[in-house]
Protein backbone atom coordinates (compact mmCIF):
# COMPACT_ATOMS: atom_id res chain seq x y z
CA MET A 1 107.61 3.05 -0.05
CA VAL A 2 103.85 2.95 -0.74
CA LYS A 3 102.49 -0.37 -1.87
CA SER A 4 99.43 -0.57 -4.08
CA TYR A 5 96.99 -3.47 -4.05
CA LEU A 6 94.37 -4.51 -6.53
CA ARG A 7 90.77 -4.21 -5.40
CA TYR A 8 88.15 -6.51 -6.80
CA GLU A 9 84.42 -5.65 -6.77
CA PRO A 10 81.50 -7.70 -8.09
CA GLY A 11 80.60 -6.45 -11.53
CA LEU A 12 77.61 -8.61 -12.47
CA ALA A 13 75.36 -11.22 -10.90
CA PHE A 14 73.11 -13.51 -12.91
CA GLY A 15 71.11 -16.66 -12.46
CA VAL A 16 70.23 -15.88 -8.82
CA ILE A 17 67.02 -17.66 -7.81
CA ALA A 18 66.90 -16.87 -4.10
CA SER A 19 69.14 -15.14 -1.57
CA LEU A 20 69.97 -16.56 1.83
CA ASP A 21 69.32 -13.29 3.68
CA CYS A 22 65.53 -13.49 3.29
CA LYS A 23 62.77 -16.08 3.37
CA ILE A 24 60.45 -16.78 0.46
CA THR A 25 56.66 -16.29 0.66
CA TYR A 26 53.53 -16.55 -1.48
CA ASP A 27 51.93 -13.56 -3.20
CA PRO A 28 48.41 -12.34 -2.14
CA SER A 29 46.72 -14.70 -4.63
CA GLY A 30 48.59 -17.74 -3.31
CA LEU A 31 49.38 -18.87 -6.86
CA HIS A 32 52.88 -17.41 -7.18
CA LEU A 33 56.01 -17.39 -5.08
CA LEU A 34 57.98 -14.30 -4.06
CA ALA A 35 61.70 -14.98 -3.85
CA PRO A 36 64.39 -12.38 -3.02
CA ALA A 37 67.33 -12.32 -5.43
CA LEU A 38 69.98 -9.93 -4.06
CA ASP A 39 68.44 -6.44 -4.44
CA ASN A 40 65.57 -7.68 -6.62
CA LEU A 41 62.35 -9.51 -5.84
CA ALA A 42 61.14 -12.14 -8.31
CA LEU A 43 57.59 -13.42 -8.75
CA TRP A 44 57.71 -17.08 -9.80
CA ASN A 45 54.97 -18.96 -11.63
CA LEU A 46 54.94 -22.34 -9.91
CA LYS A 47 53.30 -24.20 -12.79
CA GLN A 48 55.66 -22.91 -15.46
CA GLY A 49 58.72 -22.70 -13.24
CA LEU A 50 59.54 -19.23 -14.61
CA ALA A 51 59.95 -15.77 -13.09
CA SER A 52 57.01 -13.81 -14.51
CA LYS A 53 57.83 -10.44 -12.90
CA THR A 54 60.80 -8.74 -11.27
CA PHE A 55 60.58 -5.93 -8.71
CA SER A 56 63.70 -3.73 -8.85
CA PRO A 57 64.18 -0.86 -6.36
CA SER A 58 66.86 0.76 -8.53
CA SER A 59 68.22 0.56 -12.04
CA ARG A 60 71.71 0.05 -10.59
CA SER A 61 72.57 -2.94 -8.44
CA SER A 62 73.65 -2.14 -4.87
CA HIS A 63 74.30 -4.34 -1.85
CA THR A 64 72.67 -1.71 0.42
CA LEU A 65 69.33 -2.42 -1.31
CA ALA A 66 69.52 -6.18 -0.82
CA VAL A 67 66.13 -7.63 0.13
CA THR A 68 66.22 -8.86 3.74
CA SER A 69 62.49 -9.45 4.38
CA VAL A 70 59.26 -9.68 2.41
CA ALA A 71 55.55 -9.78 3.28
CA ALA A 72 52.40 -10.17 1.20
CA SER A 73 48.89 -9.01 1.97
CA PRO A 74 46.79 -11.75 3.63
CA SER A 75 43.75 -10.56 1.66
CA SER A 76 43.24 -12.24 -1.71
CA SER A 77 41.51 -9.08 -3.01
CA SER A 78 44.60 -6.95 -2.37
CA THR A 79 47.70 -6.70 -4.55
CA SER A 80 50.03 -5.16 -1.95
CA ILE A 81 53.40 -6.61 -1.03
CA ALA A 82 56.18 -5.11 1.10
CA SER A 83 59.92 -5.63 0.93
CA GLY A 84 62.51 -4.70 3.58
CA HIS A 85 66.07 -3.85 2.57
CA ALA A 86 69.54 -3.83 4.04
CA ASP A 87 69.65 -0.03 4.26
CA GLY A 88 66.58 0.00 6.56
CA SER A 89 64.09 1.12 3.92
CA ILE A 90 60.74 -0.55 3.20
CA ARG A 91 59.10 -0.51 -0.21
CA LEU A 92 55.41 -1.07 -0.93
CA TRP A 93 54.68 -2.69 -4.30
CA ASP A 94 51.67 -3.29 -6.48
CA CYS A 95 51.97 -6.97 -7.32
CA GLU A 96 49.99 -6.74 -10.57
CA LYS A 97 51.79 -3.71 -12.02
CA ALA A 98 55.21 -4.51 -10.47
CA THR A 99 55.56 -0.83 -9.52
CA CYS A 100 56.77 0.73 -6.27
CA GLU A 101 53.94 2.74 -4.68
CA ALA A 102 55.83 4.13 -1.67
CA THR A 103 59.13 4.00 0.21
CA LEU A 104 59.13 4.03 4.02
CA ASN A 105 62.23 5.13 5.93
CA GLY A 106 62.40 4.53 9.66
CA HIS A 107 64.90 1.82 10.51
CA LYS A 108 68.61 2.57 10.93
CA SER A 109 69.76 -0.86 9.79
CA ALA A 110 68.49 -3.90 7.89
CA VAL A 111 64.80 -4.80 8.15
CA THR A 112 64.50 -8.37 9.43
CA ALA A 113 60.72 -8.88 9.79
CA LEU A 114 57.56 -7.65 8.04
CA ARG A 115 53.91 -8.52 8.58
CA TYR A 116 50.54 -7.08 7.45
CA ASN A 117 47.39 -7.19 9.57
CA HIS A 118 44.35 -8.99 8.14
CA LEU A 119 42.88 -5.75 6.67
CA THR A 120 46.19 -4.76 5.00
CA SER A 121 45.76 -1.37 6.70
CA LEU A 122 48.72 -1.74 9.09
CA LEU A 123 52.25 -2.99 8.49
CA ALA A 124 54.59 -3.99 11.31
CA SER A 125 58.36 -4.06 10.79
CA GLY A 126 61.34 -5.05 12.89
CA GLY A 127 65.02 -4.44 12.24
CA LYS A 128 68.55 -5.07 13.43
CA ASP A 129 68.39 -1.70 15.21
CA CYS A 130 66.09 -3.43 17.77
CA ASP A 131 63.16 -1.18 16.81
CA VAL A 132 59.61 -2.31 16.00
CA ILE A 133 57.63 0.16 13.88
CA LEU A 134 53.90 0.04 13.14
CA TRP A 135 53.07 1.72 9.83
CA ASP A 136 49.60 2.94 8.91
CA VAL A 137 49.21 2.36 5.18
CA VAL A 138 47.83 5.80 4.35
CA THR A 139 46.77 6.30 0.73
CA ASP A 140 46.17 10.09 0.78
CA LEU A 141 46.05 13.07 3.16
CA VAL A 142 45.11 16.77 3.28
CA PHE A 143 45.56 19.61 5.79
CA LEU A 144 42.71 21.58 7.35
CA ASP A 145 42.33 24.66 9.55
CA SER A 146 45.56 26.38 8.47
CA GLY A 147 47.57 23.21 9.01
CA LYS A 148 46.26 22.56 12.52
CA LYS A 149 44.38 19.42 11.48
CA LEU A 150 45.18 16.55 9.15
CA VAL A 151 42.74 14.24 7.36
CA THR A 152 43.99 10.83 6.19
CA CYS A 153 42.46 7.90 4.34
CA SER A 154 43.82 4.38 4.25
CA LYS A 155 43.16 0.82 3.16
CA ASP A 156 41.16 0.00 6.31
CA LYS A 157 38.12 1.80 4.75
CA PHE A 158 38.22 4.65 7.31
CA ILE A 159 38.89 8.39 7.16
CA ARG A 160 40.61 9.88 10.20
CA VAL A 161 40.85 13.48 11.39
CA TRP A 162 43.96 14.30 13.42
CA ASP A 163 44.60 17.27 15.70
CA LEU A 164 48.27 18.07 15.15
CA GLU A 165 48.56 20.19 18.30
CA MET A 166 47.31 17.35 20.51
CA GLN A 167 48.83 14.70 18.20
CA HIS A 168 45.64 12.66 18.58
CA CYS A 169 42.91 11.28 16.32
CA ILE A 170 39.72 13.22 17.08
CA GLN A 171 37.30 11.66 14.55
CA ILE A 172 36.99 8.40 12.62
CA VAL A 173 34.59 8.42 9.66
CA SER A 174 33.22 5.21 8.16
CA GLY A 175 30.96 4.58 5.18
CA HIS A 176 33.13 3.25 2.38
CA HIS A 177 32.80 -0.47 1.61
CA SER A 178 36.36 -0.89 0.32
CA GLU A 179 39.81 0.68 0.50
CA VAL A 180 39.78 4.50 0.36
CA TRP A 181 42.31 5.59 -2.25
CA SER A 182 42.08 9.37 -2.46
CA LEU A 183 40.53 12.49 -0.93
CA ASP A 184 40.74 16.24 -1.38
CA VAL A 185 39.43 19.54 0.02
CA ASP A 186 38.45 22.67 -1.89
CA GLN A 187 40.39 25.86 -1.27
CA LYS A 188 37.66 27.45 0.88
CA GLU A 189 37.48 24.25 2.97
CA ARG A 190 33.74 23.83 2.49
CA PHE A 191 33.73 20.25 1.24
CA LEU A 192 35.86 17.13 1.48
CA VAL A 193 35.41 14.36 -1.09
CA SER A 194 36.70 10.79 -0.87
CA GLY A 195 36.77 7.93 -3.35
CA SER A 196 37.39 4.19 -3.11
CA ALA A 197 36.89 1.03 -5.14
CA ASP A 198 33.10 1.23 -4.80
CA THR A 199 31.03 3.23 -7.29
CA GLU A 200 30.26 6.17 -4.98
CA LEU A 201 32.01 9.46 -4.29
CA ARG A 202 31.33 10.48 -0.68
CA PHE A 203 31.10 14.15 0.25
CA TYR A 204 31.45 15.76 3.68
CA GLN A 205 30.86 19.28 4.91
CA ILE A 206 33.78 20.73 6.88
CA ARG A 207 32.60 22.43 10.05
CA THR A 208 34.43 25.11 12.01
CA ASN A 209 34.03 25.84 15.72
CA ALA A 210 31.75 28.78 14.94
CA GLU A 211 29.32 26.56 13.01
CA MET A 212 28.85 24.02 15.81
CA VAL A 213 25.81 24.14 18.08
CA GLU A 214 25.72 23.26 21.75
CA ASN A 215 24.35 19.72 21.35
CA GLU A 216 26.95 18.68 18.79
CA SER A 217 30.40 17.36 19.55
CA LYS A 218 33.26 19.76 18.97
CA TRP A 219 35.30 16.85 17.61
CA GLU A 220 32.91 16.22 14.71
CA ILE A 221 34.81 18.10 12.01
CA LEU A 222 33.41 16.18 9.01
CA LYS A 223 29.63 15.98 8.59
CA GLN A 224 28.06 13.59 6.08
CA PHE A 225 26.76 15.52 3.05
CA GLY A 226 25.83 12.74 0.63
CA GLU A 227 26.99 10.42 -2.15
CA ILE A 228 27.14 10.61 -5.93
CA GLN A 229 27.26 7.57 -8.20
CA ARG A 230 30.28 7.53 -10.49
CA GLN A 231 30.02 6.67 -14.18
CA ASN A 232 33.01 4.33 -14.18
CA LYS A 233 33.18 1.14 -12.09
CA ASP A 234 37.00 1.10 -11.77
CA ARG A 235 38.49 2.23 -8.47
CA VAL A 236 39.28 5.88 -7.85
CA ALA A 237 42.95 6.75 -8.32
CA THR A 238 43.01 10.52 -7.67
CA LEU A 239 40.56 13.23 -6.61
CA ARG A 240 41.51 16.89 -7.00
CA PHE A 241 39.73 20.26 -6.88
CA ASN A 242 40.99 23.09 -9.07
CA LYS A 243 42.39 26.22 -7.39
CA SER A 244 39.11 28.13 -7.45
CA GLY A 245 37.11 25.14 -6.18
CA SER A 246 34.66 25.35 -9.08
CA LEU A 247 35.67 22.02 -10.63
CA LEU A 248 36.44 18.55 -9.30
CA ALA A 249 38.43 15.98 -11.29
CA CYS A 250 38.10 12.25 -10.55
CA GLN A 251 40.70 10.05 -12.20
CA VAL A 252 39.90 6.34 -12.13
CA ALA A 253 42.35 3.47 -12.40
CA GLY A 254 41.06 2.79 -15.91
CA LYS A 255 41.34 5.25 -18.78
CA SER A 256 38.92 8.05 -17.97
CA VAL A 257 38.58 11.25 -15.95
CA GLU A 258 35.23 12.54 -14.70
CA ILE A 259 34.88 16.32 -14.32
CA TYR A 260 32.27 17.68 -11.88
CA ARG A 261 31.14 21.27 -11.66
CA VAL A 262 30.83 22.69 -8.12
CA LEU A 263 28.00 25.21 -7.76
CA ASP A 264 28.20 28.08 -5.29
CA ASP A 265 25.72 28.59 -2.44
CA VAL A 266 23.33 30.77 -4.47
CA GLU A 267 23.19 28.38 -7.41
CA SER A 268 22.84 25.35 -5.11
CA MET A 269 19.89 26.95 -3.28
CA ARG A 270 18.23 27.87 -6.57
CA LYS A 271 18.63 24.31 -7.84
CA ALA A 272 17.25 22.87 -4.57
CA LYS A 273 14.16 25.09 -4.86
CA ARG A 274 13.54 23.94 -8.44
CA ARG A 275 13.88 20.32 -7.33
CA LEU A 276 11.29 20.73 -4.56
CA HIS A 277 8.91 22.62 -6.87
CA ARG A 278 9.08 19.79 -9.42
CA LYS A 279 8.47 17.30 -6.64
CA LYS A 280 5.44 19.25 -5.42
CA GLU A 281 4.01 19.49 -8.93
CA LYS A 282 4.31 15.73 -9.43
CA VAL A 283 2.68 15.01 -6.09
CA MET A 284 -0.20 17.43 -6.79
CA ALA A 285 -0.73 15.90 -10.23
CA LYS A 286 -1.05 12.44 -8.69
CA ALA A 287 -3.38 13.79 -6.00
CA MET A 288 -5.68 15.35 -8.60
CA ALA A 289 -5.72 12.05 -10.46
CA GLY A 290 -7.38 10.48 -7.43
CA ASP A 291 -4.40 9.08 -5.52
CA ASN A 292 -5.36 10.07 -1.97
CA GLU A 293 -2.25 8.49 -0.49
CA ASN A 294 -0.22 11.51 -1.61
CA GLY A 295 -2.38 14.01 0.29
CA GLY A 296 -0.20 13.92 3.37
CA LEU A 297 2.90 14.38 1.27
CA VAL A 298 1.52 17.55 -0.28
CA ASP A 299 0.92 19.02 3.16
CA SER A 300 4.44 18.10 4.24
CA LEU A 301 5.92 20.29 1.50
CA SER A 302 5.22 23.56 3.28
CA SER A 303 5.89 27.00 1.81
CA GLN A 304 8.64 27.55 4.37
CA GLU A 305 10.44 24.41 3.19
CA LEU A 306 10.08 25.50 -0.42
CA GLN A 307 11.56 28.92 0.38
CA HIS A 308 14.44 27.54 2.47
CA PRO A 309 15.05 24.01 1.25
CA THR A 310 17.80 21.71 2.47
CA VAL A 311 20.55 21.63 -0.12
CA ALA A 312 21.51 18.09 -1.19
CA VAL A 313 24.83 16.96 -2.62
CA SER A 314 23.24 16.61 -6.08
CA ASP A 315 22.34 20.31 -5.92
CA THR A 316 25.98 21.29 -5.47
CA PHE A 317 27.96 18.78 -7.57
CA LYS A 318 27.03 18.17 -11.18
CA LEU A 319 28.78 15.92 -13.72
CA LEU A 320 30.15 18.20 -16.44
CA GLN A 321 31.92 15.79 -18.79
CA THR A 322 33.88 12.54 -18.97
CA LEU A 323 37.27 12.40 -20.65
CA ARG A 324 38.38 9.04 -22.05
CA ALA A 325 41.76 8.00 -23.39
CA ARG A 326 42.77 4.94 -25.36
CA LYS A 327 46.36 4.94 -24.18
CA PHE A 328 47.96 5.77 -20.86
CA ALA A 329 50.20 8.37 -22.49
CA LEU A 330 47.16 10.25 -23.72
CA LEU A 331 45.58 10.05 -20.25
CA HIS A 332 48.75 11.49 -18.75
CA SER A 333 48.57 14.37 -21.23
CA VAL A 334 44.95 14.99 -20.24
CA LEU A 335 45.88 15.12 -16.54
CA MET A 336 48.67 17.60 -17.26
CA PHE A 337 46.15 19.66 -19.22
CA LEU A 338 43.76 19.60 -16.25
CA LYS A 339 46.54 20.64 -13.89
CA LEU A 340 47.41 23.65 -16.02
CA VAL A 341 43.99 24.68 -17.32
CA LEU A 342 41.49 23.82 -14.57
CA PRO A 343 42.52 26.72 -12.29
CA HIS A 344 41.61 29.16 -15.06
CA TYR A 345 38.65 27.24 -16.54
CA PRO A 346 35.59 29.52 -16.85
CA CYS A 347 32.49 27.75 -15.54
CA PRO A 348 29.59 27.74 -18.01
């Protein structure tokens, strides 16, 4: 005779302030308290004694997603927090928006310890599986050289070039003054552009082995090309070339998208020649007005330099237009429009 037994499962939990499986900690600003509540993470306002935000990994409650560890960025200028869960996953959150930016899977069991370094560029985690994992908080990446190389950017302000065959970093590029949030490469792999929280877009020329001379290092894949000042002061969220490489879209964290036109080699050279001719005319006009200090500068602009000028980044990339949206929904529609239309957009 088969006996049947009733099985009881928890249906609802409410009023949980803090779980015993995880320790509490302060948020990056030091003004609020992060407290794990089962599978949720609550941000408490200490003055008001109320939970101002709740971070939920899933719409449905599950014991496998219970928060077992939490860490906040030690930098007051950062908004990053990390939570470890019972299933071994790690989630990276934006503390201001209360949104999950990424999910890291590496541990086989519950995560018991989390800690950021002082730059918030590395995250160390430990778990019940006796593994310690060091995570590089990469914000964006692209492939180069038919997938043989990988370029990454991260919150430590550096861009790294990786050789996937050797599994080694072959070049580290500096220059940004804040966290690098996005980068992209055109289809012909001529240029790489990166953007951060500062007001400059940085451009690099991508060099192949055939383009390198004897005195240059074969590991120097990215060569500094120049910078362009952005119109918007908000941090860069996404940088993307269209399929033909004739347009570059820069979405900022605010409510605008800047569109840049990318000129080809012939147009860039023609524009560089016009720029030098205008410069020579201005210098000669000042020299004729009696300013003898510009005499040496006139001689330095030789005919050979005017015929074969050095192309600057401003000769290749030109701001075409700026799209602004009042609401995020409209901005999302604009980005979808760019994704569908930019590959077929005829350059003027």
